[in-house]
Amino acid sequence: MSFTPSAAFRYTLMRLGIFVGSFLAIWGLVYFRVLPSGLGSANLFWVMLLALVVSAPLSWVMLRKQRDAMAVEVAERVDRAKERLAANQSQEDGV
């Protein structure tokens, strides 16, 4: 029996990986003074904000297949829940 992670779990891990990669790349650019550093102790916040701004469009483009797979998985779960609800309602009506 093997564990296969859900599409949502895979998407989340890949999105986190893109953010971490962006964070490390931007931190390196700030460290080598290619990009300006934040004021005072705001450097970490500055790098995190830039990493978020950079990683969002990257993940939008790079993770399209994973998003589509996640949407299919969610739609299947919703359909199963609707079927169970309909079955339960028909049982209650039959009493």
Protein backbone atom coordinates (compact mmCIF):
# COMPACT_ATOMS: atom_id res chain seq x y z
CA MET A 1 0.00 0.00 0.00
CA SER A 2 1.61 3.26 -1.12
CA PHE A 3 0.73 6.76 -0.05
CA THR A 4 -0.21 9.06 -2.91
CA PRO A 5 -0.60 12.66 -1.77
CA SER A 6 -3.66 14.58 -2.86
CA ALA A 7 -3.45 17.16 -5.61
CA ALA A 8 -4.02 19.94 -3.08
CA PHE A 9 -1.11 18.72 -0.94
CA ARG A 10 1.20 18.51 -3.96
CA TYR A 11 0.13 21.99 -5.12
CA THR A 12 0.74 23.45 -1.67
CA LEU A 13 4.20 21.91 -1.42
CA MET A 14 5.14 23.11 -4.91
CA ARG A 15 3.84 26.61 -4.16
CA LEU A 16 5.83 26.68 -0.94
CA GLY A 17 8.91 25.51 -2.83
CA ILE A 18 8.56 28.33 -5.36
CA PHE A 19 8.20 30.84 -2.52
CA VAL A 20 11.29 29.50 -0.71
CA GLY A 21 13.29 29.56 -3.95
CA SER A 22 12.20 33.13 -4.61
CA PHE A 23 13.02 34.09 -1.03
CA LEU A 24 16.53 32.66 -1.25
CA ALA A 25 17.18 34.28 -4.63
CA ILE A 26 15.99 37.70 -3.45
CA TRP A 27 17.86 37.35 -0.15
CA GLY A 28 21.02 36.67 -2.16
CA LEU A 29 20.42 39.73 -4.32
CA VAL A 30 19.89 41.90 -1.24
CA TYR A 31 22.95 40.39 0.45
CA PHE A 32 25.15 41.25 -2.53
CA ARG A 33 23.53 44.72 -2.72
CA VAL A 34 21.96 44.21 -6.16
CA LEU A 35 18.60 45.07 -4.58
CA PRO A 36 18.21 47.65 -1.81
CA SER A 37 17.81 46.37 1.73
CA GLY A 38 14.97 47.39 4.01
CA LEU A 39 15.23 50.15 6.57
CA GLY A 40 16.59 49.10 9.96
CA SER A 41 15.21 45.76 11.07
CA ALA A 42 12.66 45.61 8.22
CA ASN A 43 15.07 43.72 5.93
CA LEU A 44 13.44 40.31 6.50
CA PHE A 45 9.97 41.76 5.90
CA TRP A 46 11.22 43.44 2.71
CA VAL A 47 12.69 40.20 1.37
CA MET A 48 9.56 38.22 2.26
CA LEU A 49 7.33 40.79 0.57
CA LEU A 50 9.43 40.76 -2.60
CA ALA A 51 9.50 36.96 -2.58
CA LEU A 52 5.72 36.86 -2.32
CA VAL A 53 5.33 39.33 -5.19
CA VAL A 54 7.76 37.35 -7.37
CA SER A 55 6.50 33.86 -6.47
CA ALA A 56 2.79 34.58 -7.07
CA PRO A 57 2.99 35.05 -10.86
CA LEU A 58 5.61 32.31 -11.14
CA SER A 59 3.36 29.80 -9.43
CA TRP A 60 0.37 31.01 -11.47
CA VAL A 61 2.20 30.09 -14.67
CA MET A 62 4.24 27.10 -13.52
CA LEU A 63 1.58 25.26 -11.50
CA ARG A 64 -1.32 25.36 -13.95
CA LYS A 65 -1.54 21.57 -14.32
CA GLN A 66 -1.49 21.06 -10.55
CA ARG A 67 -4.24 23.66 -10.08
CA ASP A 68 -6.38 21.93 -12.71
CA ALA A 69 -5.82 18.54 -11.05
CA MET A 70 -6.75 20.04 -7.69
CA ALA A 71 -9.95 21.52 -9.17
CA VAL A 72 -10.95 18.13 -10.57
CA GLU A 73 -10.29 16.49 -7.20
CA VAL A 74 -12.38 19.07 -5.36
CA ALA A 75 -15.23 18.76 -7.88
CA GLU A 76 -15.26 14.97 -7.43
CA ARG A 77 -15.44 15.36 -3.65
CA VAL A 78 -18.31 17.83 -3.94
CA ASP A 79 -20.19 15.47 -6.28
CA ARG A 80 -19.75 12.56 -3.84
CA ALA A 81 -20.97 14.73 -0.97
CA LYS A 82 -24.03 15.77 -2.98
CA GLU A 83 -24.80 12.13 -3.79
CA ARG A 84 -24.55 11.16 -0.12
CA LEU A 85 -26.77 14.06 0.88
CA ALA A 86 -29.36 13.10 -1.72
CA ALA A 87 -29.26 9.46 -0.55
CA ASN A 88 -29.71 10.52 3.06
CA GLN A 89 -32.61 12.81 2.18
CA SER A 90 -34.36 10.03 0.23
CA GLN A 91 -33.99 7.69 3.21
CA GLU A 92 -35.55 10.27 5.53
CA ASP A 93 -38.42 10.89 3.12
CA GLY A 94 -39.16 7.16 2.89
CA VAL A 95 -39.79 6.81 6.65
